[in-house]
Amino acid sequence: MHDPDTLDDYSWPVCVTPNCNRQLWVAEATRWACRPCEDKTTARITELPALFRQLDTTAALMKGASRINGGGSGSRTAPIPPRLDVLNLVGPGGVAARLSAIEDSWRAVLGWTVAPWRGNPAEAVPGLATFLANNLLWACSSYGEVGQDIDDLRRLHAECTALVNDERRPGRVQIGNCPVRVGDRVCWTPLTATAASHRVRCGGCGTRWETLGEWRELRARQETVLAEAAGVAA
């Protein structure tokens, strides 16, 4: 698979997994993906069924839950809205479908018949994971497209793990415009902040505000610029 036409064309084989590209060991020279990538992928595949069960339980509770209000009257609030990001993974087009697509491509290369669908996603995921784990060594050794599949499995595992751990990226809010003067004009680039950091940086002029005092100064300078603009307009 790595045979060059001439010695001048030869370059040492590397792992085909995106963002790896590590030179293969001598003992790996006939492989497409390196053993570290295989080992990490095996661990991810093994963990996916348990991650799916946790997500499936969370989705079911959020989709059908309703709460009794605190007043004791027995009336019910509206159902809690479902987490669409969770439902997208546990539903028909989620984890099970993405694993099934990889299995189908491997079976096609091996010349095996396409496996019948294994029931609902909760029933299918364990069987899909078992197939992929059992045939990963073959894929790393003999399937030239395995690098993309390894990367797909990495991203799927990361998505599931983030949702199980409720790792939501904090949103950004607008906090006005940059009041710093650059030459004869005010920068006035829109500024945003996030609850995850007390630092604000202007993408236009590069000015930073990091402390409580600097935040107060920022607000005061914004108000000054707005007041000057209002005075000119009047």
C-alpha atoms as a PDB file:
ATOM      1  CA  MET A   1       0.000   0.000   0.000  1.00  0.00           C
ATOM      2  CA  HIS A   2       2.983   2.305   0.518  1.00  0.00           C
ATOM      3  CA  ASP A   3       5.173   1.018  -2.364  1.00  0.00           C
ATOM      4  CA  PRO A   4       6.795   3.884  -4.348  1.00  0.00           C
ATOM      5  CA  ASP A   5       7.644   3.704  -8.036  1.00  0.00           C
ATOM      6  CA  THR A   6      11.236   4.769  -7.347  1.00  0.00           C
ATOM      7  CA  LEU A   7      13.356   5.408  -4.277  1.00  0.00           C
ATOM      8  CA  ASP A   8      13.267   9.120  -5.085  1.00  0.00           C
ATOM      9  CA  ASP A   9       9.493   9.049  -4.642  1.00  0.00           C
ATOM     10  CA  TYR A  10       9.639   7.308  -1.276  1.00  0.00           C
ATOM     11  CA  SER A  11       8.477   8.999   1.886  1.00  0.00           C
ATOM     12  CA  TRP A  12       8.017   7.251   5.204  1.00  0.00           C
ATOM     13  CA  PRO A  13       4.380   6.213   5.713  1.00  0.00           C
ATOM     14  CA  VAL A  14       2.336   8.210   8.199  1.00  0.00           C
ATOM     15  CA  CYS A  15      -0.946   7.615  10.019  1.00  0.00           C
ATOM     16  CA  VAL A  16      -3.937   8.638   7.894  1.00  0.00           C
ATOM     17  CA  THR A  17      -5.982   9.855  10.860  1.00  0.00           C
ATOM     18  CA  PRO A  18      -6.656  13.615  10.576  1.00  0.00           C
ATOM     19  CA  ASN A  19      -4.575  15.681  13.019  1.00  0.00           C
ATOM     20  CA  CYS A  20      -2.301  12.704  13.748  1.00  0.00           C
ATOM     21  CA  ASN A  21      -0.053  12.130  10.729  1.00  0.00           C
ATOM     22  CA  ARG A  22       2.526  10.428  12.973  1.00  0.00           C
ATOM     23  CA  GLN A  23       5.197   8.461  11.170  1.00  0.00           C
ATOM     24  CA  LEU A  24       4.392   4.772  11.483  1.00  0.00           C
ATOM     25  CA  TRP A  25       6.752   2.458  13.314  1.00  0.00           C
ATOM     26  CA  VAL A  26       8.590  -0.185  11.312  1.00  0.00           C
ATOM     27  CA  ALA A  27       6.196  -2.802  12.696  1.00  0.00           C
ATOM     28  CA  GLU A  28       3.262  -0.640  11.509  1.00  0.00           C
ATOM     29  CA  ALA A  29       4.545  -0.118   7.962  1.00  0.00           C
ATOM     30  CA  THR A  30       1.712  -2.145   6.425  1.00  0.00           C
ATOM     31  CA  ARG A  31      -0.988  -0.269   8.331  1.00  0.00           C
ATOM     32  CA  TRP A  32      -3.035   2.811   7.486  1.00  0.00           C
ATOM     33  CA  ALA A  33      -3.634   4.031  11.060  1.00  0.00           C
ATOM     34  CA  CYS A  34      -1.144   3.900  13.926  1.00  0.00           C
ATOM     35  CA  ARG A  35      -1.642   1.775  17.012  1.00  0.00           C
ATOM     36  CA  PRO A  36      -2.146   4.749  19.390  1.00  0.00           C
ATOM     37  CA  CYS A  37      -5.043   5.928  17.205  1.00  0.00           C
ATOM     38  CA  GLU A  38      -6.426   2.383  17.179  1.00  0.00           C
ATOM     39  CA  ASP A  39      -6.176   2.149  20.984  1.00  0.00           C
ATOM     40  CA  LYS A  40      -7.887   5.509  21.538  1.00  0.00           C
ATOM     41  CA  THR A  41     -10.645   4.581  19.087  1.00  0.00           C
ATOM     42  CA  THR A  42     -11.188   1.218  20.780  1.00  0.00           C
ATOM     43  CA  ALA A  43     -11.693   3.015  24.101  1.00  0.00           C
ATOM     44  CA  ARG A  44     -14.148   5.476  22.537  1.00  0.00           C
ATOM     45  CA  ILE A  45     -16.160   2.736  20.832  1.00  0.00           C
ATOM     46  CA  THR A  46     -16.314   0.790  24.102  1.00  0.00           C
ATOM     47  CA  GLU A  47     -17.636   3.841  25.976  1.00  0.00           C
ATOM     48  CA  LEU A  48     -20.287   4.835  23.419  1.00  0.00           C
ATOM     49  CA  PRO A  49     -23.044   2.394  24.528  1.00  0.00           C
ATOM     50  CA  ALA A  50     -22.874   3.637  28.133  1.00  0.00           C
ATOM     51  CA  LEU A  51     -22.825   7.265  26.994  1.00  0.00           C
ATOM     52  CA  PHE A  52     -25.829   6.584  24.774  1.00  0.00           C
ATOM     53  CA  ARG A  53     -27.779   5.015  27.683  1.00  0.00           C
ATOM     54  CA  GLN A  54     -27.129   8.105  29.801  1.00  0.00           C
ATOM     55  CA  LEU A  55     -28.249  10.425  27.025  1.00  0.00           C
ATOM     56  CA  ASP A  56     -31.299   8.324  26.243  1.00  0.00           C
ATOM     57  CA  THR A  57     -32.433   8.466  29.873  1.00  0.00           C
ATOM     58  CA  THR A  58     -31.854  12.222  30.045  1.00  0.00           C
ATOM     59  CA  ALA A  59     -33.780  12.792  26.816  1.00  0.00           C
ATOM     60  CA  ALA A  60     -36.711  10.645  27.948  1.00  0.00           C
ATOM     61  CA  LEU A  61     -37.012  12.490  31.271  1.00  0.00           C
ATOM     62  CA  MET A  62     -36.814  15.920  29.669  1.00  0.00           C
ATOM     63  CA  LYS A  63     -39.194  15.068  26.857  1.00  0.00           C
ATOM     64  CA  GLY A  64     -42.035  13.746  28.976  1.00  0.00           C
ATOM     65  CA  ALA A  65     -41.539  15.390  32.358  1.00  0.00           C
ATOM     66  CA  SER A  66     -44.030  17.726  34.002  1.00  0.00           C
ATOM     67  CA  ARG A  67     -43.818  19.339  37.384  1.00  0.00           C
ATOM     68  CA  ILE A  68     -46.276  19.950  40.215  1.00  0.00           C
ATOM     69  CA  ASN A  69     -46.244  23.603  41.232  1.00  0.00           C
ATOM     70  CA  GLY A  70     -45.221  24.579  44.740  1.00  0.00           C
ATOM     71  CA  GLY A  71     -48.627  25.843  45.760  1.00  0.00           C
ATOM     72  CA  GLY A  72     -50.046  22.412  46.475  1.00  0.00           C
ATOM     73  CA  SER A  73     -53.079  22.909  44.223  1.00  0.00           C
ATOM     74  CA  GLY A  74     -52.225  19.928  42.075  1.00  0.00           C
ATOM     75  CA  SER A  75     -52.123  21.912  38.833  1.00  0.00           C
ATOM     76  CA  ARG A  76     -49.322  21.094  36.438  1.00  0.00           C
ATOM     77  CA  THR A  77     -46.955  23.350  34.579  1.00  0.00           C
ATOM     78  CA  ALA A  78     -46.267  22.903  30.874  1.00  0.00           C
ATOM     79  CA  PRO A  79     -43.915  20.003  30.011  1.00  0.00           C
ATOM     80  CA  ILE A  80     -40.219  20.771  30.163  1.00  0.00           C
ATOM     81  CA  PRO A  81     -39.054  21.373  26.573  1.00  0.00           C
ATOM     82  CA  PRO A  82     -36.731  18.669  25.219  1.00  0.00           C
ATOM     83  CA  ARG A  83     -33.026  19.232  24.680  1.00  0.00           C
ATOM     84  CA  LEU A  84     -32.862  19.060  20.904  1.00  0.00           C
ATOM     85  CA  ASP A  85     -29.111  18.456  20.911  1.00  0.00           C
ATOM     86  CA  VAL A  86     -29.642  15.353  23.079  1.00  0.00           C
ATOM     87  CA  LEU A  87     -32.597  14.147  21.040  1.00  0.00           C
ATOM     88  CA  ASN A  88     -30.601  14.519  17.833  1.00  0.00           C
ATOM     89  CA  LEU A  89     -28.097  11.985  19.167  1.00  0.00           C
ATOM     90  CA  VAL A  90     -30.504   9.439  20.635  1.00  0.00           C
ATOM     91  CA  GLY A  91     -33.040   9.653  17.815  1.00  0.00           C
ATOM     92  CA  PRO A  92     -33.157   7.756  14.496  1.00  0.00           C
ATOM     93  CA  GLY A  93     -30.537   9.915  12.791  1.00  0.00           C
ATOM     94  CA  GLY A  94     -28.145  10.115  15.735  1.00  0.00           C
ATOM     95  CA  VAL A  95     -25.546   7.812  17.270  1.00  0.00           C
ATOM     96  CA  ALA A  96     -27.021   4.596  15.868  1.00  0.00           C
ATOM     97  CA  ALA A  97     -27.262   5.931  12.316  1.00  0.00           C
ATOM     98  CA  ARG A  98     -23.719   7.313  12.375  1.00  0.00           C
ATOM     99  CA  LEU A  99     -22.278   4.047  13.663  1.00  0.00           C
ATOM    100  CA  SER A 100     -24.353   2.092  11.156  1.00  0.00           C
ATOM    101  CA  ALA A 101     -22.945   4.159   8.272  1.00  0.00           C
ATOM    102  CA  ILE A 102     -19.404   3.187   9.275  1.00  0.00           C
ATOM    103  CA  GLU A 103     -20.371  -0.479   9.650  1.00  0.00           C
ATOM    104  CA  ASP A 104     -22.012  -0.482   6.212  1.00  0.00           C
ATOM    105  CA  SER A 105     -18.915   0.979   4.548  1.00  0.00           C
ATOM    106  CA  TRP A 106     -16.672  -1.623   6.198  1.00  0.00           C
ATOM    107  CA  ARG A 107     -18.996  -4.449   5.180  1.00  0.00           C
ATOM    108  CA  ALA A 108     -19.010  -3.199   1.598  1.00  0.00           C
ATOM    109  CA  VAL A 109     -15.207  -3.306   1.414  1.00  0.00           C
ATOM    110  CA  LEU A 110     -15.116  -6.735   3.046  1.00  0.00           C
ATOM    111  CA  GLY A 111     -17.734  -8.024   0.610  1.00  0.00           C
ATOM    112  CA  TRP A 112     -20.129  -8.893   3.430  1.00  0.00           C
ATOM    113  CA  THR A 113     -23.872  -8.415   3.277  1.00  0.00           C
ATOM    114  CA  VAL A 114     -25.247  -5.270   4.850  1.00  0.00           C
ATOM    115  CA  ALA A 115     -26.470  -6.029   8.350  1.00  0.00           C
ATOM    116  CA  PRO A 116     -30.216  -5.673   8.990  1.00  0.00           C
ATOM    117  CA  TRP A 117     -31.258  -2.789  11.222  1.00  0.00           C
ATOM    118  CA  ARG A 118     -31.059  -3.930  14.838  1.00  0.00           C
ATOM    119  CA  GLY A 119     -34.325  -2.519  16.181  1.00  0.00           C
ATOM    120  CA  ASN A 120     -34.571   0.921  17.753  1.00  0.00           C
ATOM    121  CA  PRO A 121     -31.443   3.021  18.441  1.00  0.00           C
ATOM    122  CA  ALA A 122     -31.169   1.805  22.046  1.00  0.00           C
ATOM    123  CA  GLU A 123     -31.117  -1.794  20.817  1.00  0.00           C
ATOM    124  CA  ALA A 124     -28.838  -1.077  17.855  1.00  0.00           C
ATOM    125  CA  VAL A 125     -25.989   0.885  19.464  1.00  0.00           C
ATOM    126  CA  PRO A 126     -24.470  -1.983  21.522  1.00  0.00           C
ATOM    127  CA  GLY A 127     -24.428  -4.294  18.496  1.00  0.00           C
ATOM    128  CA  LEU A 128     -22.971  -1.617  16.246  1.00  0.00           C
ATOM    129  CA  ALA A 129     -20.259  -0.826  18.775  1.00  0.00           C
ATOM    130  CA  THR A 130     -19.397  -4.521  19.103  1.00  0.00           C
ATOM    131  CA  PHE A 131     -19.029  -4.902  15.332  1.00  0.00           C
ATOM    132  CA  LEU A 132     -16.783  -1.845  15.049  1.00  0.00           C
ATOM    133  CA  ALA A 133     -14.618  -2.882  17.991  1.00  0.00           C
ATOM    134  CA  ASN A 134     -14.219  -6.407  16.621  1.00  0.00           C
ATOM    135  CA  ASN A 135     -13.202  -5.162  13.161  1.00  0.00           C
ATOM    136  CA  LEU A 136     -11.188  -2.065  14.027  1.00  0.00           C
ATOM    137  CA  LEU A 137      -7.857  -3.879  13.723  1.00  0.00           C
ATOM    138  CA  TRP A 138      -8.776  -4.947  10.182  1.00  0.00           C
ATOM    139  CA  ALA A 139      -9.799  -1.391   9.288  1.00  0.00           C
ATOM    140  CA  CYS A 140      -6.599   0.146  10.660  1.00  0.00           C
ATOM    141  CA  SER A 141      -4.538  -2.399   8.753  1.00  0.00           C
ATOM    142  CA  SER A 142      -6.404  -2.743   5.454  1.00  0.00           C
ATOM    143  CA  TYR A 143      -8.963   0.022   4.889  1.00  0.00           C
ATOM    144  CA  GLY A 144      -7.537   3.189   3.331  1.00  0.00           C
ATOM    145  CA  GLU A 145     -10.479   5.380   4.435  1.00  0.00           C
ATOM    146  CA  VAL A 146     -10.214   4.388   8.088  1.00  0.00           C
ATOM    147  CA  GLY A 147      -8.716   7.746   9.078  1.00  0.00           C
ATOM    148  CA  GLN A 148     -11.979   9.569   8.377  1.00  0.00           C
ATOM    149  CA  ASP A 149     -13.962   6.927  10.284  1.00  0.00           C
ATOM    150  CA  ILE A 150     -11.633   7.264  13.275  1.00  0.00           C
ATOM    151  CA  ASP A 151     -12.136  11.032  13.208  1.00  0.00           C
ATOM    152  CA  ASP A 152     -15.928  10.619  12.929  1.00  0.00           C
ATOM    153  CA  LEU A 153     -15.903   8.307  15.955  1.00  0.00           C
ATOM    154  CA  ARG A 154     -13.768  10.810  17.882  1.00  0.00           C
ATOM    155  CA  ARG A 155     -16.211  13.630  17.167  1.00  0.00           C
ATOM    156  CA  LEU A 156     -19.237  11.476  18.003  1.00  0.00           C
ATOM    157  CA  HIS A 157     -17.675  10.418  21.310  1.00  0.00           C
ATOM    158  CA  ALA A 158     -16.823  14.052  22.112  1.00  0.00           C
ATOM    159  CA  GLU A 159     -20.391  15.186  21.381  1.00  0.00           C
ATOM    160  CA  CYS A 160     -21.861  12.496  23.627  1.00  0.00           C
ATOM    161  CA  THR A 161     -19.389  13.157  26.438  1.00  0.00           C
ATOM    162  CA  ALA A 162     -20.004  16.899  26.363  1.00  0.00           C
ATOM    163  CA  LEU A 163     -23.777  16.430  26.625  1.00  0.00           C
ATOM    164  CA  VAL A 164     -23.538  13.814  29.362  1.00  0.00           C
ATOM    165  CA  ASN A 165     -21.330  16.188  31.366  1.00  0.00           C
ATOM    166  CA  ASP A 166     -23.556  19.163  30.409  1.00  0.00           C
ATOM    167  CA  GLU A 167     -20.579  21.061  29.004  1.00  0.00           C
ATOM    168  CA  ARG A 168     -22.390  23.949  27.376  1.00  0.00           C
ATOM    169  CA  ARG A 169     -20.350  26.802  25.997  1.00  0.00           C
ATOM    170  CA  PRO A 170     -21.350  30.049  27.705  1.00  0.00           C
ATOM    171  CA  GLY A 171     -23.139  32.450  25.434  1.00  0.00           C
ATOM    172  CA  ARG A 172     -21.863  35.903  24.584  1.00  0.00           C
ATOM    173  CA  VAL A 173     -23.761  39.109  25.187  1.00  0.00           C
ATOM    174  CA  GLN A 174     -23.282  42.519  23.638  1.00  0.00           C
ATOM    175  CA  ILE A 175     -22.002  45.199  26.030  1.00  0.00           C
ATOM    176  CA  GLY A 176     -21.941  48.231  23.770  1.00  0.00           C
ATOM    177  CA  ASN A 177     -19.246  49.577  21.475  1.00  0.00           C
ATOM    178  CA  CYS A 178     -15.552  50.353  21.917  1.00  0.00           C
ATOM    179  CA  PRO A 179     -15.111  54.021  22.968  1.00  0.00           C
ATOM    180  CA  VAL A 180     -11.353  54.205  22.331  1.00  0.00           C
ATOM    181  CA  ARG A 181     -10.197  56.975  20.009  1.00  0.00           C
ATOM    182  CA  VAL A 182      -8.018  55.811  17.120  1.00  0.00           C
ATOM    183  CA  GLY A 183      -6.546  58.878  15.476  1.00  0.00           C
ATOM    184  CA  ASP A 184      -9.350  61.325  14.785  1.00  0.00           C
ATOM    185  CA  ARG A 185     -12.198  58.859  15.152  1.00  0.00           C
ATOM    186  CA  VAL A 186     -13.780  56.625  17.769  1.00  0.00           C
ATOM    187  CA  CYS A 187     -13.202  52.902  17.205  1.00  0.00           C
ATOM    188  CA  TRP A 188     -16.831  51.970  18.058  1.00  0.00           C
ATOM    189  CA  THR A 189     -16.387  48.265  17.276  1.00  0.00           C
ATOM    190  CA  PRO A 190     -19.182  46.185  18.928  1.00  0.00           C
ATOM    191  CA  LEU A 191     -17.972  44.520  22.127  1.00  0.00           C
ATOM    192  CA  THR A 192     -19.150  41.223  23.623  1.00  0.00           C
ATOM    193  CA  ALA A 193     -18.530  39.498  26.941  1.00  0.00           C
ATOM    194  CA  THR A 194     -19.095  36.036  28.373  1.00  0.00           C
ATOM    195  CA  ALA A 195     -19.759  34.821  31.902  1.00  0.00           C
ATOM    196  CA  ALA A 196     -16.798  32.460  31.549  1.00  0.00           C
ATOM    197  CA  SER A 197     -14.255  35.302  31.516  1.00  0.00           C
ATOM    198  CA  HIS A 198     -13.902  38.772  32.983  1.00  0.00           C
ATOM    199  CA  ARG A 199     -11.745  39.889  30.064  1.00  0.00           C
ATOM    200  CA  VAL A 200     -13.072  41.929  27.159  1.00  0.00           C
ATOM    201  CA  ARG A 201     -10.999  42.611  24.065  1.00  0.00           C
ATOM    202  CA  CYS A 202     -11.892  44.884  21.184  1.00  0.00           C
ATOM    203  CA  GLY A 203     -11.515  43.127  17.861  1.00  0.00           C
ATOM    204  CA  GLY A 204     -10.998  46.468  16.131  1.00  0.00           C
ATOM    205  CA  CYS A 205      -8.252  48.304  18.032  1.00  0.00           C
ATOM    206  CA  GLY A 206      -7.139  45.528  20.410  1.00  0.00           C
ATOM    207  CA  THR A 207      -7.850  47.433  23.637  1.00  0.00           C
ATOM    208  CA  ARG A 208      -8.495  45.217  26.675  1.00  0.00           C
ATOM    209  CA  TRP A 209     -10.584  45.677  29.822  1.00  0.00           C
ATOM    210  CA  GLU A 210      -9.950  43.104  32.555  1.00  0.00           C
ATOM    211  CA  THR A 211     -10.622  44.468  36.056  1.00  0.00           C
ATOM    212  CA  LEU A 212     -13.745  45.825  37.702  1.00  0.00           C
ATOM    213  CA  GLY A 213     -12.257  49.320  37.593  1.00  0.00           C
ATOM    214  CA  GLU A 214     -11.538  48.999  33.881  1.00  0.00           C
ATOM    215  CA  TRP A 215     -15.087  47.797  33.263  1.00  0.00           C
ATOM    216  CA  ARG A 216     -16.420  50.896  35.038  1.00  0.00           C
ATOM    217  CA  GLU A 217     -14.088  53.070  32.984  1.00  0.00           C
ATOM    218  CA  LEU A 218     -15.332  51.366  29.806  1.00  0.00           C
ATOM    219  CA  ARG A 219     -18.933  52.122  30.706  1.00  0.00           C
ATOM    220  CA  ALA A 220     -18.156  55.723  31.580  1.00  0.00           C
ATOM    221  CA  ARG A 221     -16.296  56.304  28.310  1.00  0.00           C
ATOM    222  CA  GLN A 222     -19.145  54.736  26.336  1.00  0.00           C
ATOM    223  CA  GLU A 223     -21.606  57.105  27.994  1.00  0.00           C
ATOM    224  CA  THR A 224     -19.320  60.062  27.262  1.00  0.00           C
ATOM    225  CA  VAL A 225     -19.099  59.197  23.568  1.00  0.00           C
ATOM    226  CA  LEU A 226     -22.868  58.754  23.352  1.00  0.00           C
ATOM    227  CA  ALA A 227     -23.460  62.054  25.138  1.00  0.00           C
ATOM    228  CA  GLU A 228     -21.068  63.865  22.794  1.00  0.00           C
ATOM    229  CA  ALA A 229     -22.796  62.319  19.785  1.00  0.00           C
ATOM    230  CA  ALA A 230     -26.187  63.363  21.131  1.00  0.00           C
ATOM    231  CA  GLY A 231     -24.926  66.917  21.681  1.00  0.00           C
ATOM    232  CA  VAL A 232     -23.645  67.156  18.118  1.00  0.00           C
ATOM    233  CA  ALA A 233     -26.931  65.820  16.781  1.00  0.00           C
ATOM    234  CA  ALA A 234     -28.879  68.392  18.798  1.00  0.00           C
END
